[in-house]
Each structure stands twice: as C-alpha cells, then as structure tokens.
C-alpha cells in the first residue's frame, strides 16, 4: 500500500464533550498545537452548541480563533444547525461538521427533530453557506449509521435514504458514523457499498467508536472498501451524551500505527503524537485514556510509510 489516508482528530470536540472535568482553554490550544506539530492536518476543535447543553464547549469560539493561528492546520467545528453554522463561519472555521442522525430515537434525543427534519434543515444551511463570500466546506455526519442504543438495528435502506437526502441538499462530504460503536466489519462493508452505490464520491469517510473493541477492525474493513478518511481521537476519549452506552472513539495513535505499518501514509509522526497525548493527560489528569500503542510503546519493528 502506498496511498495517503486522511485522519481528522476529533478529540477536542467529541473527546471532551462527555469528559467529567473541563479542560482549560490554554490546555486545549496547547494540545491542538502539539497534534498539529505531529502532522495532524485536520482537527475538529469544538462545537457551536449552547454552553448549558455541553459546558465543555463553552470556549469554542476562542479555541477556533486561536487554532486558526496554527500554521498548516485545517480548523473544523461542529454545528448542529444553521445558527451554529453561522457562528462557525463568523469565527473563521475552515470547515464545519453537521450531525444528522439516521435513527429516529437518537435524532430526537440529540437534535429534537426527526431525520427528515434534519435533512430539511441541512438544505437551508447549505443555501445559506453557498450564498456567503467565503466558501466553508460542509461535512455531514450520518450518525447511528451502524446501530443505535435507543432504536436498535438501523436498516441499511434507512442509511441510504438519509445520505441520499443529504447529498441532494448539497453537502460537500458525508461521513458514516458508528456513533455507539455497535458496527462490525461485515456491516461496515455492506453499508459503505450501499451508500456509495447511491451517492458516489460524496461518501468520504468513517467516524468510528470502539465500544465493542472493533474500532480498528472496522477501519480495516473500510480501507478494503476504498475509504481513505477517518475520524479518531487521541487516547480514545469521546462519546455522545445523547447515545446511552456510547464509549470512546477509535484511538488515533493506534490507528496511525496500523495504517503506517501497512504502508498507508498519514503524514503523522507517531512519537510526536504520543508527546501530544502527554499534554492531553496533563490537561485532563483524572480522565482515563485508552490505547495500546501508548501502553506497549512503539515497537522496534515499526517503520513509517514512505
């Protein structure tokens, strides 16, 4: 393998949103800068949601502004609706990620609307974005695409219906999200194929969680289906506060180790990434971190992809 795989670090947003303690703004920015120095080119640095809903994101505007000063970094922010997108745009974010739940139960719990209403909201959001003088890329995250802890099984046809609606709304890219980490490799392949058949290259990547310990296996299944973009979180933090039972994201450092060992170039320096993990631990000392690479150490057999 000699292809490039893009990794978007979502720790400062997804990783921190259910943390029991709040990381200071200075610590967040230092952590983000350290990950960028390790070669992480895209980082989701926060979300424009009401602080009363997710207090850990209260400083997102400042974090975005300060992250924009980091050379070479693409700054991404989550926006749940048009108002959030407008706030992200006015703050200067390069891209926004907009969650749209595939399952009815999670959609109502997380966004207080149905999936169809979310698709309609996306159409209004895209109309506004395209009217602005500065083009801001919009990535739609199709949440609970591989199962839901509220509704249970999510039919593939339902995923295709929602993602087709998002593509028609004009989004730039779509990420299929295993929000609660219930997906398995065969399912990843099935859903990726079905969605790609329906919307083509608008399907961009996978957002994976490791609830059942299948995060890396699911990433490998995605690779075998041609996926070359993944969300992940340093230390495996994260989870949706409105998805009961959801646990952390696939671990960035373990994903980088696997990809680089296989010959996929990520552009990320693994030793420097582990140094950034140390800053995360300093900023959230009470939060347990996952990850085998940090636990075992980088083996002498490891070689970065060319």
Protein backbone atom coordinates (compact mmCIF):
# COMPACT_ATOMS: atom_id res chain seq x y z
CA UNK A 1 0.00 0.00 0.00
CA UNK A 2 1.27 3.48 -0.82
CA UNK A 3 -1.84 5.64 -0.65
CA UNK A 4 -2.49 8.57 1.66
CA UNK A 5 -5.14 8.23 4.36
CA UNK A 6 -6.55 11.37 5.93
CA UNK A 7 -7.07 11.36 9.69
CA UNK A 8 -9.22 14.04 11.30
CA UNK A 9 -8.62 14.34 15.03
CA UNK A 10 -11.93 14.90 16.83
CA UNK A 11 -10.65 14.77 20.41
CA UNK A 12 -11.09 18.46 21.28
CA UNK A 13 -14.76 18.13 20.35
CA UNK A 14 -16.03 14.53 20.59
CA UNK A 15 -13.36 13.53 23.08
CA UNK A 16 -14.07 16.29 25.56
CA UNK A 17 -17.84 16.66 25.31
CA UNK A 18 -18.58 13.97 27.91
CA UNK A 19 -15.42 14.39 29.99
CA UNK A 20 -16.19 14.65 33.69
CA UNK A 21 -13.94 17.68 34.10
CA UNK A 22 -13.35 20.67 31.86
CA UNK A 23 -10.05 21.26 30.12
CA UNK A 24 -8.87 24.87 30.26
CA UNK A 25 -8.77 26.87 27.03
CA UNK A 26 -4.99 27.24 27.24
CA UNK A 27 -4.58 23.49 27.71
CA UNK A 28 -6.88 22.78 24.74
CA UNK A 29 -4.96 25.07 22.43
CA UNK A 30 -1.60 23.67 23.57
CA UNK A 31 -2.87 20.15 22.91
CA UNK A 32 -4.21 21.11 19.48
CA UNK A 33 -0.90 22.78 18.59
CA UNK A 34 1.04 19.69 19.67
CA UNK A 35 -1.10 17.43 17.48
CA UNK A 36 -0.62 19.80 14.54
CA UNK A 37 3.13 19.73 15.16
CA UNK A 38 2.94 15.92 14.96
CA UNK A 39 1.48 16.21 11.46
CA UNK A 40 -2.28 16.08 12.13
CA UNK A 41 -3.61 18.37 9.44
CA UNK A 42 -7.34 18.43 10.31
CA UNK A 43 -8.69 18.87 13.84
CA UNK A 44 -12.28 19.30 15.00
CA UNK A 45 -11.57 21.79 17.75
CA UNK A 46 -15.03 22.30 19.28
CA UNK A 47 -18.75 22.65 18.70
CA UNK A 48 -21.03 25.66 18.49
CA UNK A 49 -23.71 24.41 20.85
CA UNK A 50 -25.30 26.23 23.82
CA UNK A 51 -22.94 26.05 26.85
CA UNK A 52 -25.87 24.99 29.04
CA UNK A 53 -26.14 21.84 26.90
CA UNK A 54 -22.44 20.94 26.73
CA UNK A 55 -20.44 23.14 29.15
CA UNK A 56 -17.14 21.69 27.92
CA UNK A 57 -17.68 23.54 24.62
CA UNK A 58 -18.33 26.98 26.14
CA UNK A 59 -14.98 28.33 24.88
CA UNK A 60 -15.28 27.04 21.30
CA UNK A 61 -15.22 30.50 19.74
CA UNK A 62 -11.91 31.35 21.41
CA UNK A 63 -10.45 27.92 20.67
CA UNK A 64 -11.33 28.29 16.98
CA UNK A 65 -9.79 31.75 16.77
CA UNK A 66 -6.57 30.67 18.44
CA UNK A 67 -6.37 27.45 16.43
CA UNK A 68 -6.57 29.46 13.21
CA UNK A 69 -3.16 30.88 14.13
CA UNK A 70 -1.53 27.41 13.98
CA UNK A 71 0.30 27.10 10.63
CA UNK A 72 -0.98 24.48 8.21
CA UNK A 73 -3.93 23.40 10.34
CA UNK A 74 -7.43 22.99 8.91
CA UNK A 75 -9.79 24.04 11.68
CA UNK A 76 -13.13 22.24 11.84
CA UNK A 77 -16.05 22.95 14.18
CA UNK A 78 -19.27 21.07 14.74
CA UNK A 79 -22.51 22.95 14.08
CA UNK A 80 -25.84 21.25 14.86
CA UNK A 81 -27.97 23.73 12.91
CA UNK A 82 -27.97 26.88 10.78
CA UNK A 83 -27.30 29.17 13.73
CA UNK A 84 -24.29 27.08 14.73
CA UNK A 85 -23.03 27.18 11.14
CA UNK A 86 -23.34 30.96 11.10
CA UNK A 87 -21.38 31.22 14.35
CA UNK A 88 -18.68 28.90 12.98
CA UNK A 89 -18.47 30.90 9.75
CA UNK A 90 -18.25 34.24 11.54
CA UNK A 91 -15.50 32.88 13.80
CA UNK A 92 -13.49 31.80 10.75
CA UNK A 93 -13.66 27.98 10.83
CA UNK A 94 -12.42 26.40 7.61
CA UNK A 95 -14.97 23.59 7.68
CA UNK A 96 -17.99 22.54 9.69
CA UNK A 97 -19.27 19.12 10.63
CA UNK A 98 -23.04 18.83 10.89
CA UNK A 99 -24.55 15.76 12.61
CA UNK A 100 -27.66 14.18 11.13
CA UNK A 101 -28.96 11.10 12.93
CA UNK A 102 -30.17 8.21 10.80
CA UNK A 103 -32.21 6.63 13.61
CA UNK A 104 -35.38 8.32 14.85
CA UNK A 105 -34.67 7.82 18.55
CA UNK A 106 -31.19 9.31 18.51
CA UNK A 107 -32.29 12.14 16.25
CA UNK A 108 -34.98 13.22 18.68
CA UNK A 109 -32.72 12.79 21.72
CA UNK A 110 -29.75 14.61 20.21
CA UNK A 111 -31.33 17.23 17.96
CA UNK A 112 -35.01 17.27 18.96
CA UNK A 113 -36.16 16.61 15.40
CA UNK A 114 -36.72 13.72 13.02
CA UNK A 115 -34.12 12.62 10.45
CA UNK A 116 -36.29 14.09 7.68
CA UNK A 117 -36.44 17.42 9.52
CA UNK A 118 -32.64 17.34 9.88
CA UNK A 119 -32.23 16.81 6.14
CA UNK A 120 -34.55 19.78 5.51
CA UNK A 121 -32.50 21.87 7.96
CA UNK A 122 -29.37 20.86 6.07
CA UNK A 123 -30.86 22.14 2.82
CA UNK A 124 -31.49 25.55 4.45
CA UNK A 125 -28.00 25.53 5.94
CA UNK A 126 -26.39 24.76 2.57
CA UNK A 127 -28.40 27.50 0.88
CA UNK A 128 -27.01 30.00 3.40
CA UNK A 129 -23.43 28.69 3.17
CA UNK A 130 -23.37 28.88 -0.62
CA UNK A 131 -24.55 32.50 -0.50
CA UNK A 132 -21.56 33.61 1.58
CA UNK A 133 -18.49 35.30 0.05
CA UNK A 134 -16.13 32.78 1.70
CA UNK A 135 -16.78 29.14 0.90
CA UNK A 136 -16.87 26.97 4.00
CA UNK A 137 -16.84 23.22 3.40
CA UNK A 138 -19.71 21.29 4.97
CA UNK A 139 -19.26 17.70 6.12
CA UNK A 140 -22.41 15.86 7.11
CA UNK A 141 -22.03 13.17 9.75
CA UNK A 142 -24.61 10.42 9.32
CA UNK A 143 -24.87 9.41 12.99
CA UNK A 144 -26.01 5.95 14.18
CA UNK A 145 -25.48 4.56 10.68
CA UNK A 146 -24.48 1.15 12.07
CA UNK A 147 -26.84 0.77 15.00
CA UNK A 148 -28.49 2.77 17.77
CA UNK A 149 -28.63 2.20 21.52
CA UNK A 150 -32.16 3.66 21.54
CA UNK A 151 -33.75 2.13 18.41
CA UNK A 152 -31.53 -0.92 17.99
CA UNK A 153 -30.97 -2.13 14.43
CA UNK A 154 -30.73 0.59 11.78
CA UNK A 155 -31.66 -0.83 8.34
CA UNK A 156 -29.18 -0.15 5.55
CA UNK A 157 -32.04 1.21 3.43
CA UNK A 158 -32.62 3.85 6.09
CA UNK A 159 -28.96 4.91 5.92
CA UNK A 160 -29.20 5.14 2.14
CA UNK A 161 -32.37 7.24 2.37
CA UNK A 162 -30.85 9.78 4.76
CA UNK A 163 -27.49 10.03 2.99
CA UNK A 164 -29.21 10.42 -0.37
CA UNK A 165 -31.19 13.31 1.09
CA UNK A 166 -28.02 14.91 2.39
CA UNK A 167 -26.32 14.57 -0.98
CA UNK A 168 -29.32 16.20 -2.68
CA UNK A 169 -29.13 19.01 -0.11
CA UNK A 170 -25.69 19.80 -1.50
CA UNK A 171 -23.29 18.84 1.28
CA UNK A 172 -19.66 18.55 0.25
CA UNK A 173 -18.86 15.28 2.03
CA UNK A 174 -20.60 12.63 4.11
CA UNK A 175 -19.06 10.66 6.96
CA UNK A 176 -20.80 7.47 8.08
CA UNK A 177 -20.69 7.43 11.88
CA UNK A 178 -20.78 4.39 14.14
CA UNK A 179 -21.90 6.64 16.98
CA UNK A 180 -22.38 3.92 19.58
CA UNK A 181 -19.73 1.53 18.29
CA UNK A 182 -22.05 -1.40 17.56
CA UNK A 183 -20.92 -1.95 13.98
CA UNK A 184 -18.89 -4.94 12.79
CA UNK A 185 -16.63 -5.37 9.72
CA UNK A 186 -19.17 -7.17 7.51
CA UNK A 187 -21.74 -4.46 8.26
CA UNK A 188 -19.22 -1.71 7.52
CA UNK A 189 -18.64 -3.22 4.08
CA UNK A 190 -22.36 -3.65 3.37
CA UNK A 191 -23.33 -0.11 4.34
CA UNK A 192 -20.36 1.54 2.62
CA UNK A 193 -21.15 -0.29 -0.62
CA UNK A 194 -24.84 0.57 -0.49
CA UNK A 195 -24.26 4.25 0.25
CA UNK A 196 -21.52 4.57 -2.36
CA UNK A 197 -23.81 2.99 -4.97
CA UNK A 198 -26.42 5.62 -4.08
CA UNK A 199 -24.34 8.81 -3.79
CA UNK A 200 -20.92 8.07 -5.27
CA UNK A 201 -17.87 10.10 -4.17
CA UNK A 202 -19.86 12.31 -1.79
CA UNK A 203 -19.30 9.44 0.64
CA UNK A 204 -15.99 10.47 2.14
CA UNK A 205 -15.10 8.55 5.29
CA UNK A 206 -15.90 6.82 8.56
CA UNK A 207 -16.32 8.07 12.12
CA UNK A 208 -15.75 5.03 14.33
CA UNK A 209 -16.16 4.26 18.02
CA UNK A 210 -14.62 1.35 19.89
CA UNK A 211 -17.42 0.32 22.27
CA UNK A 212 -17.20 -3.37 21.33
CA UNK A 213 -13.46 -3.35 20.66
CA UNK A 214 -13.95 -3.44 16.88
CA UNK A 215 -12.80 0.07 16.00
CA UNK A 216 -9.60 -0.92 14.18
CA UNK A 217 -11.23 -3.97 12.58
CA UNK A 218 -13.96 -1.70 11.25
CA UNK A 219 -11.36 0.77 9.98
CA UNK A 220 -9.65 -2.08 8.13
CA UNK A 221 -13.00 -3.11 6.60
CA UNK A 222 -13.45 0.48 5.45
CA UNK A 223 -9.97 0.52 3.93
CA UNK A 224 -10.79 -2.64 1.99
CA UNK A 225 -13.85 -0.84 0.58
CA UNK A 226 -11.75 2.12 -0.53
CA UNK A 227 -12.37 4.51 2.37
CA UNK A 228 -9.38 6.83 2.81
CA UNK A 229 -10.58 9.20 5.54
CA UNK A 230 -11.25 8.52 9.21
CA UNK A 231 -12.16 10.44 12.35
CA UNK A 232 -10.39 9.36 15.53
CA UNK A 233 -9.49 10.61 18.98
CA UNK A 234 -6.19 10.69 20.82
CA UNK A 235 -6.43 8.49 23.89
CA UNK A 236 -9.74 7.05 22.69
CA UNK A 237 -11.85 9.60 24.55
CA UNK A 238 -15.34 10.55 23.49
CA UNK A 239 -18.95 9.56 23.10
CA UNK A 240 -22.30 11.20 22.51
CA UNK A 241 -24.10 12.41 25.66
CA UNK A 242 -27.43 11.54 24.00
CA UNK A 243 -26.48 7.99 22.98
CA UNK A 244 -26.70 5.70 26.03
CA UNK A 245 -23.83 3.22 26.20
CA UNK A 246 -21.61 5.01 23.71
CA UNK A 247 -17.93 4.92 24.59
CA UNK A 248 -14.74 6.33 23.15
CA UNK A 249 -13.63 6.87 19.58
CA UNK A 250 -11.15 4.68 17.78
CA UNK A 251 -7.72 5.60 19.19
CA UNK A 252 -5.77 7.95 16.90
CA UNK A 253 -2.32 6.68 17.86
CA UNK A 254 -3.35 3.03 17.37
CA UNK A 255 -4.97 3.87 14.02
CA UNK A 256 -1.82 5.68 12.88
CA UNK A 257 0.31 2.71 13.95
CA UNK A 258 -1.86 0.29 11.98
CA UNK A 259 -2.05 2.43 8.86
CA UNK A 260 1.62 3.34 8.71
CA UNK A 261 2.65 -0.28 9.41
CA UNK A 262 0.51 -1.35 6.45
CA UNK A 263 2.16 1.22 4.19
CA UNK A 264 -0.58 3.86 4.18
CA UNK A 265 0.93 7.32 4.59
CA UNK A 266 -0.84 9.54 7.15
CA UNK A 267 1.78 12.29 7.40
CA UNK A 268 1.67 11.89 11.19
CA UNK A 269 4.79 11.40 13.30
CA UNK A 270 3.86 8.72 15.85
CA UNK A 271 6.44 9.61 18.55
CA UNK A 272 5.35 13.27 18.40
CA UNK A 273 1.72 12.17 18.56
CA UNK A 274 2.46 10.34 21.82
CA UNK A 275 4.01 13.56 23.14
CA UNK A 276 0.72 15.30 22.35
CA UNK A 277 -1.06 12.56 24.30
CA UNK A 278 1.02 13.55 27.32
CA UNK A 279 -0.37 17.09 27.04
CA UNK A 280 -3.88 15.66 26.93
CA UNK A 281 -3.19 13.78 30.16
CA UNK A 282 -1.83 16.95 31.77
CA UNK A 283 -4.94 18.87 30.76
CA UNK A 284 -7.35 16.13 31.96
CA UNK A 285 -5.39 14.21 34.62
CA UNK A 286 -8.47 12.45 36.03
CA UNK A 287 -9.70 11.13 32.67
CA UNK A 288 -8.62 7.56 31.80
CA UNK A 289 -7.01 7.20 28.38
CA UNK A 290 -7.17 4.15 26.12
CA UNK A 291 -4.71 2.91 23.53
CA UNK A 292 -2.32 0.01 23.07
CA UNK A 293 0.47 1.96 21.39
CA UNK A 294 0.98 4.20 24.39
CA UNK A 295 0.72 1.22 26.73
CA UNK A 296 3.15 -1.06 24.89
CA UNK A 297 5.40 1.55 23.35
CA UNK A 298 6.33 1.84 19.68
CA UNK A 299 7.95 -1.48 18.70
CA UNK A 300 11.38 -1.62 17.07
CA UNK A 301 9.77 -3.24 14.04
CA UNK A 302 7.74 -0.11 13.26
CA UNK A 303 8.54 1.73 10.03
CA UNK A 304 6.70 4.77 8.75
CA UNK A 305 5.14 4.54 5.31
CA UNK A 306 7.04 6.31 2.56
